[in-house]
Amino acid sequence: MRTRIVWTVIGCASLAFVLGACENGIVQSREVEVRASTNAISDASLPDSGLSWSTFDEYPYEDIGSGLYIRIYEIGGGEQLRVSGTSMKLNPMGIAWIRRDGTETTIKGQEEWDRVREQIAMN
């Protein structure tokens, strides 16, 4: 009986060791995946656009994201801006001007934003 208990304890300890080693490998693997995806995210953002989340601070917004940051900014006349990204610390990944008729224009830089802003002011 004691021998069986000893072997059971040894077996459980061995299993715990193996599971711990596997879990550690999984954690390290996930850390690598997270670092890789973070690099991809920063590459996918609009780093040289001159546009950041604070560019749109003057407009009220509704946060509709779940897992991503997605803000809908009301810019007047039934028109909106949709700004999305994975982090508030990075520049947005996508900016779109949504007009009353539902058509969208993608904004990729400060120059485009200035043109859109002029059109918004005229409406």
PDB file of N, CA and C in Angstrom:
ATOM      1  N   MET A   1       0.826  -1.192   0.000  1.00  0.00           N
ATOM      2  CA  MET A   1       0.000   0.000   0.000  1.00  0.00           C
ATOM      3  C   MET A   1       0.869   1.255   0.000  1.00  0.00           C
ATOM      4  N   ARG A   2       1.915   1.278   0.849  1.00  0.00           N
ATOM      5  CA  ARG A   2       2.799   2.441   0.891  1.00  0.00           C
ATOM      6  C   ARG A   2       3.518   2.620  -0.442  1.00  0.00           C
ATOM      7  N   THR A   3       3.911   1.540  -1.055  1.00  0.00           N
ATOM      8  CA  THR A   3       4.611   1.615  -2.335  1.00  0.00           C
ATOM      9  C   THR A   3       3.715   2.243  -3.380  1.00  0.00           C
ATOM     10  N   ARG A   4       2.454   1.862  -3.394  1.00  0.00           N
ATOM     11  CA  ARG A   4       1.515   2.430  -4.352  1.00  0.00           C
ATOM     12  C   ARG A   4       1.316   3.924  -4.106  1.00  0.00           C
ATOM     13  N   ILE A   5       1.255   4.326  -2.865  1.00  0.00           N
ATOM     14  CA  ILE A   5       1.098   5.744  -2.524  1.00  0.00           C
ATOM     15  C   ILE A   5       2.336   6.517  -2.970  1.00  0.00           C
ATOM     16  N   VAL A   6       3.524   5.949  -2.715  1.00  0.00           N
ATOM     17  CA  VAL A   6       4.767   6.612  -3.106  1.00  0.00           C
ATOM     18  C   VAL A   6       4.814   6.792  -4.614  1.00  0.00           C
ATOM     19  N   TRP A   7       4.479   5.720  -5.366  1.00  0.00           N
ATOM     20  CA  TRP A   7       4.489   5.818  -6.831  1.00  0.00           C
ATOM     21  C   TRP A   7       3.424   6.783  -7.332  1.00  0.00           C
ATOM     22  N   THR A   8       2.309   6.844  -6.651  1.00  0.00           N
ATOM     23  CA  THR A   8       1.262   7.798  -7.034  1.00  0.00           C
ATOM     24  C   THR A   8       1.746   9.227  -6.838  1.00  0.00           C
ATOM     25  N   VAL A   9       2.420   9.470  -5.714  1.00  0.00           N
ATOM     26  CA  VAL A   9       2.959  10.803  -5.427  1.00  0.00           C
ATOM     27  C   VAL A   9       4.028  11.158  -6.461  1.00  0.00           C
ATOM     28  N   ILE A  10       4.914  10.199  -6.770  1.00  0.00           N
ATOM     29  CA  ILE A  10       5.961  10.432  -7.766  1.00  0.00           C
ATOM     30  C   ILE A  10       5.326  10.703  -9.132  1.00  0.00           C
ATOM     31  N   GLY A  11       4.318   9.931  -9.475  1.00  0.00           N
ATOM     32  CA  GLY A  11       3.625  10.124 -10.751  1.00  0.00           C
ATOM     33  C   GLY A  11       2.968  11.486 -10.833  1.00  0.00           C
ATOM     34  N   CYS A  12       2.315  11.886  -9.754  1.00  0.00           N
ATOM     35  CA  CYS A  12       1.660  13.206  -9.735  1.00  0.00           C
ATOM     36  C   CYS A  12       2.689  14.325  -9.827  1.00  0.00           C
ATOM     37  N   ALA A  13       3.790  14.184  -9.119  1.00  0.00           N
ATOM     38  CA  ALA A  13       4.843  15.193  -9.161  1.00  0.00           C
ATOM     39  C   ALA A  13       5.431  15.283 -10.568  1.00  0.00           C
ATOM     40  N   SER A  14       5.646  14.127 -11.196  1.00  0.00           N
ATOM     41  CA  SER A  14       6.186  14.114 -12.559  1.00  0.00           C
ATOM     42  C   SER A  14       5.205  14.772 -13.531  1.00  0.00           C
ATOM     43  N   LEU A  15       3.933  14.446 -13.389  1.00  0.00           N
ATOM     44  CA  LEU A  15       2.913  15.029 -14.243  1.00  0.00           C
ATOM     45  C   LEU A  15       2.851  16.545 -14.054  1.00  0.00           C
ATOM     46  N   ALA A  16       2.924  16.989 -12.805  1.00  0.00           N
ATOM     47  CA  ALA A  16       2.904  18.425 -12.523  1.00  0.00           C
ATOM     48  C   ALA A  16       4.106  19.113 -13.160  1.00  0.00           C
ATOM     49  N   PHE A  17       5.277  18.463 -13.102  1.00  0.00           N
ATOM     50  CA  PHE A  17       6.483  19.013 -13.702  1.00  0.00           C
ATOM     51  C   PHE A  17       6.326  19.136 -15.220  1.00  0.00           C
ATOM     52  N   VAL A  18       5.834  18.076 -15.850  1.00  0.00           N
ATOM     53  CA  VAL A  18       5.652  18.072 -17.301  1.00  0.00           C
ATOM     54  C   VAL A  18       4.624  19.121 -17.710  1.00  0.00           C
ATOM     55  N   LEU A  19       3.506  19.192 -16.998  1.00  0.00           N
ATOM     56  CA  LEU A  19       2.489  20.187 -17.310  1.00  0.00           C
ATOM     57  C   LEU A  19       3.019  21.598 -17.116  1.00  0.00           C
ATOM     58  N   GLY A  20       3.793  21.797 -16.061  1.00  0.00           N
ATOM     59  CA  GLY A  20       4.397  23.110 -15.821  1.00  0.00           C
ATOM     60  C   GLY A  20       5.336  23.499 -16.940  1.00  0.00           C
ATOM     61  N   ALA A  21       6.139  22.549 -17.407  1.00  0.00           N
ATOM     62  CA  ALA A  21       7.063  22.811 -18.511  1.00  0.00           C
ATOM     63  C   ALA A  21       6.281  23.129 -19.783  1.00  0.00           C
ATOM     64  N   CYS A  22       5.214  22.385 -20.034  1.00  0.00           N
ATOM     65  CA  CYS A  22       4.384  22.648 -21.217  1.00  0.00           C
ATOM     66  C   CYS A  22       3.736  24.022 -21.127  1.00  0.00           C
ATOM     67  N   GLU A  23       3.195  24.342 -19.969  1.00  0.00           N
ATOM     68  CA  GLU A  23       2.539  25.629 -19.782  1.00  0.00           C
ATOM     69  C   GLU A  23       3.533  26.758 -19.975  1.00  0.00           C
ATOM     70  N   ASN A  24       4.765  26.583 -19.452  1.00  0.00           N
ATOM     71  CA  ASN A  24       5.791  27.601 -19.613  1.00  0.00           C
ATOM     72  C   ASN A  24       6.102  27.799 -21.095  1.00  0.00           C
ATOM     73  N   GLY A  25       6.161  26.711 -21.843  1.00  0.00           N
ATOM     74  CA  GLY A  25       6.403  26.802 -23.282  1.00  0.00           C
ATOM     75  C   GLY A  25       5.279  27.528 -23.993  1.00  0.00           C
ATOM     76  N   ILE A  26       4.046  27.259 -23.583  1.00  0.00           N
ATOM     77  CA  ILE A  26       2.888  27.920 -24.182  1.00  0.00           C
ATOM     78  C   ILE A  26       2.922  29.408 -23.876  1.00  0.00           C
ATOM     79  N   VAL A  27       3.234  29.758 -22.622  1.00  0.00           N
ATOM     80  CA  VAL A  27       3.302  31.165 -22.238  1.00  0.00           C
ATOM     81  C   VAL A  27       4.369  31.878 -23.053  1.00  0.00           C
ATOM     82  N   GLN A  28       5.555  31.255 -23.184  1.00  0.00           N
ATOM     83  CA  GLN A  28       6.616  31.877 -23.977  1.00  0.00           C
ATOM     84  C   GLN A  28       6.193  32.012 -25.428  1.00  0.00           C
ATOM     85  N   SER A  29       5.526  30.996 -25.948  1.00  0.00           N
ATOM     86  CA  SER A  29       5.053  31.045 -27.332  1.00  0.00           C
ATOM     87  C   SER A  29       4.058  32.180 -27.517  1.00  0.00           C
ATOM     88  N   ARG A  30       3.144  32.344 -26.578  1.00  0.00           N
ATOM     89  CA  ARG A  30       2.153  33.423 -26.674  1.00  0.00           C
ATOM     90  C   ARG A  30       2.816  34.783 -26.570  1.00  0.00           C
ATOM     91  N   GLU A  31       3.871  34.885 -25.729  1.00  0.00           N
ATOM     92  CA  GLU A  31       4.577  36.158 -25.618  1.00  0.00           C
ATOM     93  C   GLU A  31       5.198  36.529 -26.959  1.00  0.00           C
ATOM     94  N   VAL A  32       5.753  35.548 -27.655  1.00  0.00           N
ATOM     95  CA  VAL A  32       6.334  35.793 -28.975  1.00  0.00           C
ATOM     96  C   VAL A  32       5.242  36.222 -29.942  1.00  0.00           C
ATOM     97  N   GLU A  33       4.070  35.541 -29.897  1.00  0.00           N
ATOM     98  CA  GLU A  33       2.962  35.899 -30.779  1.00  0.00           C
ATOM     99  C   GLU A  33       2.501  37.326 -30.506  1.00  0.00           C
ATOM    100  N   VAL A  34       2.403  37.696 -29.229  1.00  0.00           N
ATOM    101  CA  VAL A  34       1.952  39.039 -28.869  1.00  0.00           C
ATOM    102  C   VAL A  34       2.945  40.071 -29.374  1.00  0.00           C
ATOM    103  N   ARG A  35       4.256  39.815 -29.179  1.00  0.00           N
ATOM    104  CA  ARG A  35       5.259  40.751 -29.672  1.00  0.00           C
ATOM    105  C   ARG A  35       5.165  40.881 -31.192  1.00  0.00           C
ATOM    106  N   ALA A  36       4.981  39.764 -31.880  1.00  0.00           N
ATOM    107  CA  ALA A  36       4.886  39.794 -33.347  1.00  0.00           C
ATOM    108  C   ALA A  36       3.654  40.573 -33.782  1.00  0.00           C
ATOM    109  N   SER A  37       2.513  40.346 -33.119  1.00  0.00           N
ATOM    110  CA  SER A  37       1.299  41.055 -33.516  1.00  0.00           C
ATOM    111  C   SER A  37       1.402  42.535 -33.166  1.00  0.00           C
ATOM    112  N   THR A  38       2.081  42.870 -32.071  1.00  0.00           N
ATOM    113  CA  THR A  38       2.264  44.272 -31.711  1.00  0.00           C
ATOM    114  C   THR A  38       3.090  44.977 -32.769  1.00  0.00           C
ATOM    115  N   ASN A  39       4.130  44.305 -33.268  1.00  0.00           N
ATOM    116  CA  ASN A  39       4.928  44.898 -34.336  1.00  0.00           C
ATOM    117  C   ASN A  39       4.087  45.093 -35.581  1.00  0.00           C
ATOM    118  N   ALA A  40       3.255  44.117 -35.904  1.00  0.00           N
ATOM    119  CA  ALA A  40       2.398  44.230 -37.085  1.00  0.00           C
ATOM    120  C   ALA A  40       1.410  45.374 -36.907  1.00  0.00           C
ATOM    121  N   ILE A  41       0.906  45.538 -35.691  1.00  0.00           N
ATOM    122  CA  ILE A  41      -0.060  46.605 -35.423  1.00  0.00           C
ATOM    123  C   ILE A  41       0.592  47.963 -35.621  1.00  0.00           C
ATOM    124  N   SER A  42       1.792  48.138 -35.078  1.00  0.00           N
ATOM    125  CA  SER A  42       2.427  49.438 -35.219  1.00  0.00           C
ATOM    126  C   SER A  42       2.750  49.716 -36.677  1.00  0.00           C
ATOM    127  N   ASP A  43       3.054  48.675 -37.458  1.00  0.00           N
ATOM    128  CA  ASP A  43       3.291  48.856 -38.876  1.00  0.00           C
ATOM    129  C   ASP A  43       1.999  49.199 -39.608  1.00  0.00           C
ATOM    130  N   ALA A  44       0.863  48.679 -39.105  1.00  0.00           N
ATOM    131  CA  ALA A  44      -0.413  48.873 -39.782  1.00  0.00           C
ATOM    132  C   ALA A  44      -1.061  50.207 -39.418  1.00  0.00           C
ATOM    133  N   SER A  45      -0.607  50.847 -38.331  1.00  0.00           N
ATOM    134  CA  SER A  45      -1.202  52.118 -37.956  1.00  0.00           C
ATOM    135  C   SER A  45      -0.761  53.182 -38.956  1.00  0.00           C
ATOM    136  N   LEU A  46      -1.217  54.369 -38.770  1.00  0.00           N
ATOM    137  CA  LEU A  46      -0.885  55.458 -39.682  1.00  0.00           C
ATOM    138  C   LEU A  46       0.199  56.329 -39.038  1.00  0.00           C
ATOM    139  N   PRO A  47       1.411  55.793 -38.856  1.00  0.00           N
ATOM    140  CA  PRO A  47       2.423  56.489 -38.064  1.00  0.00           C
ATOM    141  C   PRO A  47       2.865  57.827 -38.648  1.00  0.00           C
ATOM    142  N   ASP A  48       2.917  57.944 -39.966  1.00  0.00           N
ATOM    143  CA  ASP A  48       3.408  59.172 -40.583  1.00  0.00           C
ATOM    144  C   ASP A  48       2.284  60.073 -41.077  1.00  0.00           C
ATOM    145  N   SER A  49       1.064  59.740 -40.703  1.00  0.00           N
ATOM    146  CA  SER A  49      -0.085  60.484 -41.213  1.00  0.00           C
ATOM    147  C   SER A  49      -0.244  61.840 -40.550  1.00  0.00           C
ATOM    148  N   GLY A  50       0.332  62.005 -39.375  1.00  0.00           N
ATOM    149  CA  GLY A  50       0.115  63.229 -38.618  1.00  0.00           C
ATOM    150  C   GLY A  50      -1.222  63.228 -37.904  1.00  0.00           C
ATOM    151  N   LEU A  51      -1.959  62.116 -38.010  1.00  0.00           N
ATOM    152  CA  LEU A  51      -3.272  61.996 -37.371  1.00  0.00           C
ATOM    153  C   LEU A  51      -3.173  61.073 -36.173  1.00  0.00           C
ATOM    154  N   SER A  52      -3.651  61.550 -35.046  1.00  0.00           N
ATOM    155  CA  SER A  52      -3.685  60.731 -33.833  1.00  0.00           C
ATOM    156  C   SER A  52      -5.092  60.794 -33.269  1.00  0.00           C
ATOM    157  N   TRP A  53      -5.312  60.075 -32.197  1.00  0.00           N
ATOM    158  CA  TRP A  53      -6.643  60.105 -31.574  1.00  0.00           C
ATOM    159  C   TRP A  53      -7.007  61.532 -31.164  1.00  0.00           C
ATOM    160  N   SER A  54      -6.034  62.299 -30.727  1.00  0.00           N
ATOM    161  CA  SER A  54      -6.321  63.663 -30.252  1.00  0.00           C
ATOM    162  C   SER A  54      -6.702  64.618 -31.394  1.00  0.00           C
ATOM    163  N   THR A  55      -6.433  64.241 -32.644  1.00  0.00           N
ATOM    164  CA  THR A  55      -6.833  65.058 -33.797  1.00  0.00           C
ATOM    165  C   THR A  55      -8.334  65.336 -33.776  1.00  0.00           C
ATOM    166  N   PHE A  56      -9.100  64.412 -33.234  1.00  0.00           N
ATOM    167  CA  PHE A  56     -10.559  64.484 -33.300  1.00  0.00           C
ATOM    168  C   PHE A  56     -11.200  64.882 -31.966  1.00  0.00           C
ATOM    169  N   ASP A  57     -10.388  65.406 -31.041  1.00  0.00           N
ATOM    170  CA  ASP A  57     -10.884  65.756 -29.705  1.00  0.00           C
ATOM    171  C   ASP A  57     -12.013  66.774 -29.707  1.00  0.00           C
ATOM    172  N   GLU A  58     -12.091  67.603 -30.728  1.00  0.00           N
ATOM    173  CA  GLU A  58     -13.116  68.650 -30.728  1.00  0.00           C
ATOM    174  C   GLU A  58     -14.523  68.106 -30.993  1.00  0.00           C
ATOM    175  N   TYR A  59     -14.624  66.861 -31.416  1.00  0.00           N
ATOM    176  CA  TYR A  59     -15.921  66.281 -31.754  1.00  0.00           C
ATOM    177  C   TYR A  59     -16.380  65.307 -30.671  1.00  0.00           C
ATOM    178  N   PRO A  60     -17.688  65.317 -30.371  1.00  0.00           N
ATOM    179  CA  PRO A  60     -18.207  64.305 -29.437  1.00  0.00           C
ATOM    180  C   PRO A  60     -18.172  62.939 -30.118  1.00  0.00           C
ATOM    181  N   TYR A  61     -18.018  61.900 -29.333  1.00  0.00           N
ATOM    182  CA  TYR A  61     -17.929  60.564 -29.933  1.00  0.00           C
ATOM    183  C   TYR A  61     -18.672  59.525 -29.106  1.00  0.00           C
ATOM    184  N   GLU A  62     -18.932  58.419 -29.764  1.00  0.00           N
ATOM    185  CA  GLU A  62     -19.504  57.240 -29.121  1.00  0.00           C
ATOM    186  C   GLU A  62     -18.492  56.118 -29.307  1.00  0.00           C
ATOM    187  N   ASP A  63     -18.144  55.452 -28.230  1.00  0.00           N
ATOM    188  CA  ASP A  63     -17.192  54.345 -28.288  1.00  0.00           C
ATOM    189  C   ASP A  63     -17.984  53.065 -28.539  1.00  0.00           C
ATOM    190  N   ILE A  64     -17.805  52.459 -29.724  1.00  0.00           N
ATOM    191  CA  ILE A  64     -18.572  51.257 -30.063  1.00  0.00           C
ATOM    192  C   ILE A  64     -17.688  50.022 -30.171  1.00  0.00           C
ATOM    193  N   GLY A  65     -16.414  50.152 -29.832  1.00  0.00           N
ATOM    194  CA  GLY A  65     -15.486  49.032 -29.988  1.00  0.00           C
ATOM    195  C   GLY A  65     -15.669  47.960 -28.939  1.00  0.00           C
ATOM    196  N   SER A  66     -15.308  46.773 -29.305  1.00  0.00           N
ATOM    197  CA  SER A  66     -15.286  45.634 -28.398  1.00  0.00           C
ATOM    198  C   SER A  66     -14.071  44.800 -28.800  1.00  0.00           C
ATOM    199  N   GLY A  67     -12.973  44.996 -28.088  1.00  0.00           N
ATOM    200  CA  GLY A  67     -11.729  44.341 -28.457  1.00  0.00           C
ATOM    201  C   GLY A  67     -10.848  45.260 -29.275  1.00  0.00           C
ATOM    202  N   LEU A  68     -11.446  46.178 -29.980  1.00  0.00           N
ATOM    203  CA  LEU A  68     -10.743  47.233 -30.707  1.00  0.00           C
ATOM    204  C   LEU A  68     -11.288  48.563 -30.211  1.00  0.00           C
ATOM    205  N   TYR A  69     -10.540  49.608 -30.447  1.00  0.00           N
ATOM    206  CA  TYR A  69     -11.048  50.942 -30.171  1.00  0.00           C
ATOM    207  C   TYR A  69     -11.720  51.429 -31.447  1.00  0.00           C
ATOM    208  N   ILE A  70     -13.006  51.626 -31.381  1.00  0.00           N
ATOM    209  CA  ILE A  70     -13.745  52.163 -32.520  1.00  0.00           C
ATOM    210  C   ILE A  70     -14.602  53.307 -31.986  1.00  0.00           C
ATOM    211  N   ARG A  71     -14.331  54.471 -32.481  1.00  0.00           N
ATOM    212  CA  ARG A  71     -15.090  55.646 -32.062  1.00  0.00           C
ATOM    213  C   ARG A  71     -15.809  56.238 -33.265  1.00  0.00           C
ATOM    214  N   ILE A  72     -17.068  56.568 -33.045  1.00  0.00           N
ATOM    215  CA  ILE A  72     -17.862  57.266 -34.051  1.00  0.00           C
ATOM    216  C   ILE A  72     -17.990  58.714 -33.581  1.00  0.00           C
ATOM    217  N   TYR A  73     -17.422  59.620 -34.362  1.00  0.00           N
ATOM    218  CA  TYR A  73     -17.461  61.048 -34.045  1.00  0.00           C
ATOM    219  C   TYR A  73     -18.560  61.700 -34.865  1.00  0.00           C
ATOM    220  N   GLU A  74     -19.458  62.408 -34.182  1.00  0.00           N
ATOM    221  CA  GLU A  74     -20.511  63.167 -34.861  1.00  0.00           C
ATOM    222  C   GLU A  74     -19.911  64.486 -35.309  1.00  0.00           C
ATOM    223  N   ILE A  75     -19.925  64.741 -36.613  1.00  0.00           N
ATOM    224  CA  ILE A  75     -19.282  65.954 -37.124  1.00  0.00           C
ATOM    225  C   ILE A  75     -20.278  66.936 -37.722  1.00  0.00           C
ATOM    226  N   GLY A  76     -21.554  66.679 -37.531  1.00  0.00           N
ATOM    227  CA  GLY A  76     -22.577  67.622 -37.971  1.00  0.00           C
ATOM    228  C   GLY A  76     -23.236  67.223 -39.277  1.00  0.00           C
ATOM    229  N   GLY A  77     -24.470  67.651 -39.430  1.00  0.00           N
ATOM    230  CA  GLY A  77     -25.205  67.403 -40.654  1.00  0.00           C
ATOM    231  C   GLY A  77     -25.454  65.935 -40.937  1.00  0.00           C
ATOM    232  N   GLY A  78     -25.474  65.115 -39.897  1.00  0.00           N
ATOM    233  CA  GLY A  78     -25.712  63.688 -40.086  1.00  0.00           C
ATOM    234  C   GLY A  78     -24.492  62.926 -40.578  1.00  0.00           C
ATOM    235  N   GLU A  79     -23.350  63.570 -40.586  1.00  0.00           N
ATOM    236  CA  GLU A  79     -22.127  62.918 -41.033  1.00  0.00           C
ATOM    237  C   GLU A  79     -21.276  62.512 -39.839  1.00  0.00           C
ATOM    238  N   GLN A  80     -20.422  61.530 -40.077  1.00  0.00           N
ATOM    239  CA  GLN A  80     -19.628  60.970 -38.987  1.00  0.00           C
ATOM    240  C   GLN A  80     -18.210  60.661 -39.447  1.00  0.00           C
ATOM    241  N   LEU A  81     -17.347  60.535 -38.464  1.00  0.00           N
ATOM    242  CA  LEU A  81     -16.022  59.968 -38.677  1.00  0.00           C
ATOM    243  C   LEU A  81     -15.963  58.670 -37.885  1.00  0.00           C
ATOM    244  N   ARG A  82     -15.412  57.630 -38.498  1.00  0.00           N
ATOM    245  CA  ARG A  82     -15.170  56.377 -37.776  1.00  0.00           C
ATOM    246  C   ARG A  82     -13.659  56.227 -37.670  1.00  0.00           C
ATOM    247  N   VAL A  83     -13.186  56.220 -36.430  1.00  0.00           N
ATOM    248  CA  VAL A  83     -11.751  56.109 -36.168  1.00  0.00           C
ATOM    249  C   VAL A  83     -11.537  54.820 -35.398  1.00  0.00           C
ATOM    250  N   SER A  84     -10.613  53.987 -35.881  1.00  0.00           N
ATOM    251  CA  SER A  84     -10.415  52.686 -35.234  1.00  0.00           C
ATOM    252  C   SER A  84      -8.932  52.374 -35.078  1.00  0.00           C
ATOM    253  N   GLY A  85      -8.655  51.570 -34.071  1.00  0.00           N
ATOM    254  CA  GLY A  85      -7.291  51.141 -33.825  1.00  0.00           C
ATOM    255  C   GLY A  85      -7.252  50.117 -32.714  1.00  0.00           C
ATOM    256  N   THR A  86      -6.068  49.630 -32.444  1.00  0.00           N
ATOM    257  CA  THR A  86      -5.905  48.595 -31.428  1.00  0.00           C
ATOM    258  C   THR A  86      -5.405  49.144 -30.103  1.00  0.00           C
ATOM    259  N   SER A  87      -4.965  50.383 -30.104  1.00  0.00           N
ATOM    260  CA  SER A  87      -4.429  50.972 -28.882  1.00  0.00           C
ATOM    261  C   SER A  87      -4.562  52.488 -28.959  1.00  0.00           C
ATOM    262  N   MET A  88      -4.827  53.097 -27.834  1.00  0.00           N
ATOM    263  CA  MET A  88      -4.878  54.553 -27.779  1.00  0.00           C
ATOM    264  C   MET A  88      -3.464  55.135 -27.770  1.00  0.00           C
ATOM    265  N   LYS A  89      -2.469  54.286 -27.574  1.00  0.00           N
ATOM    266  CA  LYS A  89      -1.078  54.735 -27.546  1.00  0.00           C
ATOM    267  C   LYS A  89      -0.469  54.783 -28.947  1.00  0.00           C
ATOM    268  N   LEU A  90      -1.111  54.114 -29.892  1.00  0.00           N
ATOM    269  CA  LEU A  90      -0.667  54.126 -31.286  1.00  0.00           C
ATOM    270  C   LEU A  90      -1.605  54.995 -32.098  1.00  0.00           C
ATOM    271  N   ASN A  91      -1.130  55.490 -33.220  1.00  0.00           N
ATOM    272  CA  ASN A  91      -2.017  56.212 -34.123  1.00  0.00           C
ATOM    273  C   ASN A  91      -3.122  55.273 -34.593  1.00  0.00           C
ATOM    274  N   PRO A  92      -4.271  55.828 -34.950  1.00  0.00           N
ATOM    275  CA  PRO A  92      -5.360  54.978 -35.452  1.00  0.00           C
ATOM    276  C   PRO A  92      -4.935  54.191 -36.689  1.00  0.00           C
ATOM    277  N   MET A  93      -5.563  53.031 -36.851  1.00  0.00           N
ATOM    278  CA  MET A  93      -5.296  52.197 -38.029  1.00  0.00           C
ATOM    279  C   MET A  93      -6.219  52.555 -39.180  1.00  0.00           C
ATOM    280  N   GLY A  94      -7.384  53.080 -38.867  1.00  0.00           N
ATOM    281  CA  GLY A  94      -8.343  53.410 -39.915  1.00  0.00           C
ATOM    282  C   GLY A  94      -9.160  54.638 -39.558  1.00  0.00           C
ATOM    283  N   ILE A  95      -9.334  55.499 -40.532  1.00  0.00           N
ATOM    284  CA  ILE A  95     -10.156  56.698 -40.359  1.00  0.00           C
ATOM    285  C   ILE A  95     -11.036  56.815 -41.597  1.00  0.00           C
ATOM    286  N   ALA A  96     -12.331  56.918 -41.394  1.00  0.00           N
ATOM    287  CA  ALA A  96     -13.254  57.028 -42.528  1.00  0.00           C
ATOM    288  C   ALA A  96     -14.265  58.126 -42.267  1.00  0.00           C
ATOM    289  N   TRP A  97     -14.536  58.905 -43.298  1.00  0.00           N
ATOM    290  CA  TRP A  97     -15.580  59.925 -43.275  1.00  0.00           C
ATOM    291  C   TRP A  97     -16.816  59.267 -43.851  1.00  0.00           C
ATOM    292  N   ILE A  98     -17.886  59.220 -43.061  1.00  0.00           N
ATOM    293  CA  ILE A  98     -19.137  58.585 -43.472  1.00  0.00           C
ATOM    294  C   ILE A  98     -20.155  59.692 -43.725  1.00  0.00           C
ATOM    295  N   ARG A  99     -20.540  59.832 -44.984  1.00  0.00           N
ATOM    296  CA  ARG A  99     -21.472  60.884 -45.351  1.00  0.00           C
ATOM    297  C   ARG A  99     -22.920  60.455 -45.134  1.00  0.00           C
ATOM    298  N   ARG A 100     -23.818  61.413 -45.236  1.00  0.00           N
ATOM    299  CA  ARG A 100     -25.252  61.162 -44.998  1.00  0.00           C
ATOM    300  C   ARG A 100     -25.801  60.025 -45.838  1.00  0.00           C
ATOM    301  N   ASP A 101     -25.323  59.911 -47.073  1.00  0.00           N
ATOM    302  CA  ASP A 101     -25.848  58.875 -47.965  1.00  0.00           C
ATOM    303  C   ASP A 101     -25.194  57.510 -47.734  1.00  0.00           C
ATOM    304  N   GLY A 102     -24.309  57.435 -46.749  1.00  0.00           N
ATOM    305  CA  GLY A 102     -23.674  56.159 -46.399  1.00  0.00           C
ATOM    306  C   GLY A 102     -22.355  55.897 -47.095  1.00  0.00           C
ATOM    307  N   THR A 103     -21.975  56.749 -48.041  1.00  0.00           N
ATOM    308  CA  THR A 103     -20.688  56.551 -48.702  1.00  0.00           C
ATOM    309  C   THR A 103     -19.557  56.910 -47.745  1.00  0.00           C
ATOM    310  N   GLU A 104     -18.434  56.254 -47.955  1.00  0.00           N
ATOM    311  CA  GLU A 104     -17.288  56.445 -47.068  1.00  0.00           C
ATOM    312  C   GLU A 104     -16.060  56.876 -47.854  1.00  0.00           C
ATOM    313  N   THR A 105     -15.276  57.734 -47.238  1.00  0.00           N
ATOM    314  CA  THR A 105     -13.988  58.127 -47.783  1.00  0.00           C
ATOM    315  C   THR A 105     -12.935  57.806 -46.736  1.00  0.00           C
ATOM    316  N   THR A 106     -11.925  57.038 -47.125  1.00  0.00           N
ATOM    317  CA  THR A 106     -10.837  56.708 -46.209  1.00  0.00           C
ATOM    318  C   THR A 106      -9.885  57.891 -46.135  1.00  0.00           C
ATOM    319  N   ILE A 107      -9.497  58.233 -44.916  1.00  0.00           N
ATOM    320  CA  ILE A 107      -8.573  59.344 -44.681  1.00  0.00           C
ATOM    321  C   ILE A 107      -7.244  58.740 -44.233  1.00  0.00           C
ATOM    322  N   LYS A 108      -6.185  59.033 -44.983  1.00  0.00           N
ATOM    323  CA  LYS A 108      -4.891  58.422 -44.681  1.00  0.00           C
ATOM    324  C   LYS A 108      -3.819  59.403 -44.236  1.00  0.00           C
ATOM    325  N   GLY A 109      -4.131  60.673 -44.258  1.00  0.00           N
ATOM    326  CA  GLY A 109      -3.105  61.631 -43.873  1.00  0.00           C
ATOM    327  C   GLY A 109      -3.672  62.982 -43.531  1.00  0.00           C
ATOM    328  N   GLN A 110      -2.800  63.845 -43.030  1.00  0.00           N
ATOM    329  CA  GLN A 110      -3.205  65.176 -42.600  1.00  0.00           C
ATOM    330  C   GLN A 110      -3.779  65.989 -43.757  1.00  0.00           C
ATOM    331  N   GLU A 111      -3.181  65.868 -44.929  1.00  0.00           N
ATOM    332  CA  GLU A 111      -3.661  66.625 -46.091  1.00  0.00           C
ATOM    333  C   GLU A 111      -5.098  66.226 -46.449  1.00  0.00           C
ATOM    334  N   GLU A 112      -5.368  64.924 -46.456  1.00  0.00           N
ATOM    335  CA  GLU A 112      -6.737  64.452 -46.736  1.00  0.00           C
ATOM    336  C   GLU A 112      -7.690  64.932 -45.653  1.00  0.00           C
ATOM    337  N   TRP A 113      -7.257  64.875 -44.404  1.00  0.00           N
ATOM    338  CA  TRP A 113      -8.099  65.319 -43.290  1.00  0.00           C
ATOM    339  C   TRP A 113      -8.411  66.806 -43.436  1.00  0.00           C
ATOM    340  N   ASP A 114      -7.433  67.614 -43.838  1.00  0.00           N
ATOM    341  CA  ASP A 114      -7.675  69.041 -44.022  1.00  0.00           C
ATOM    342  C   ASP A 114      -8.738  69.288 -45.099  1.00  0.00           C
ATOM    343  N   ARG A 115      -8.679  68.525 -46.206  1.00  0.00           N
ATOM    344  CA  ARG A 115      -9.689  68.665 -47.272  1.00  0.00           C
ATOM    345  C   ARG A 115     -11.072  68.267 -46.768  1.00  0.00           C
ATOM    346  N   VAL A 116     -11.131  67.133 -46.051  1.00  0.00           N
ATOM    347  CA  VAL A 116     -12.417  66.666 -45.508  1.00  0.00           C
ATOM    348  C   VAL A 116     -12.962  67.694 -44.524  1.00  0.00           C
ATOM    349  N   ARG A 117     -12.087  68.213 -43.703  1.00  0.00           N
ATOM    350  CA  ARG A 117     -12.511  69.203 -42.689  1.00  0.00           C
ATOM    351  C   ARG A 117     -13.084  70.446 -43.368  1.00  0.00           C
ATOM    352  N   GLU A 118     -12.488  70.892 -44.470  1.00  0.00           N
ATOM    353  CA  GLU A 118     -13.027  72.029 -45.224  1.00  0.00           C
ATOM    354  C   GLU A 118     -14.420  71.705 -45.765  1.00  0.00           C
ATOM    355  N   GLN A 119     -14.588  70.505 -46.301  1.00  0.00           N
ATOM    356  CA  GLN A 119     -15.901  70.104 -46.827  1.00  0.00           C
ATOM    357  C   GLN A 119     -16.936  70.035 -45.713  1.00  0.00           C
ATOM    358  N   ILE A 120     -16.517  69.546 -44.553  1.00  0.00           N
ATOM    359  CA  ILE A 120     -17.431  69.475 -43.405  1.00  0.00           C
ATOM    360  C   ILE A 120     -17.865  70.877 -43.010  1.00  0.00           C
ATOM    361  N   ALA A 121     -16.925  71.818 -42.988  1.00  0.00           N
ATOM    362  CA  ALA A 121     -17.233  73.186 -42.605  1.00  0.00           C
ATOM    363  C   ALA A 121     -18.210  73.846 -43.577  1.00  0.00           C
ATOM    364  N   MET A 122     -18.132  73.475 -44.846  1.00  0.00           N
ATOM    365  CA  MET A 122     -19.035  74.045 -45.845  1.00  0.00           C
ATOM    366  C   MET A 122     -20.460  73.516 -45.727  1.00  0.00           C
ATOM    367  N   ASN A 123     -20.628  72.322 -45.144  1.00  0.00           N
ATOM    368  CA  ASN A 123     -21.975  71.732 -45.046  1.00  0.00           C
ATOM    369  C   ASN A 123     -22.755  72.324 -43.935  1.00  0.00           C
TER     370      ASN A 123
END
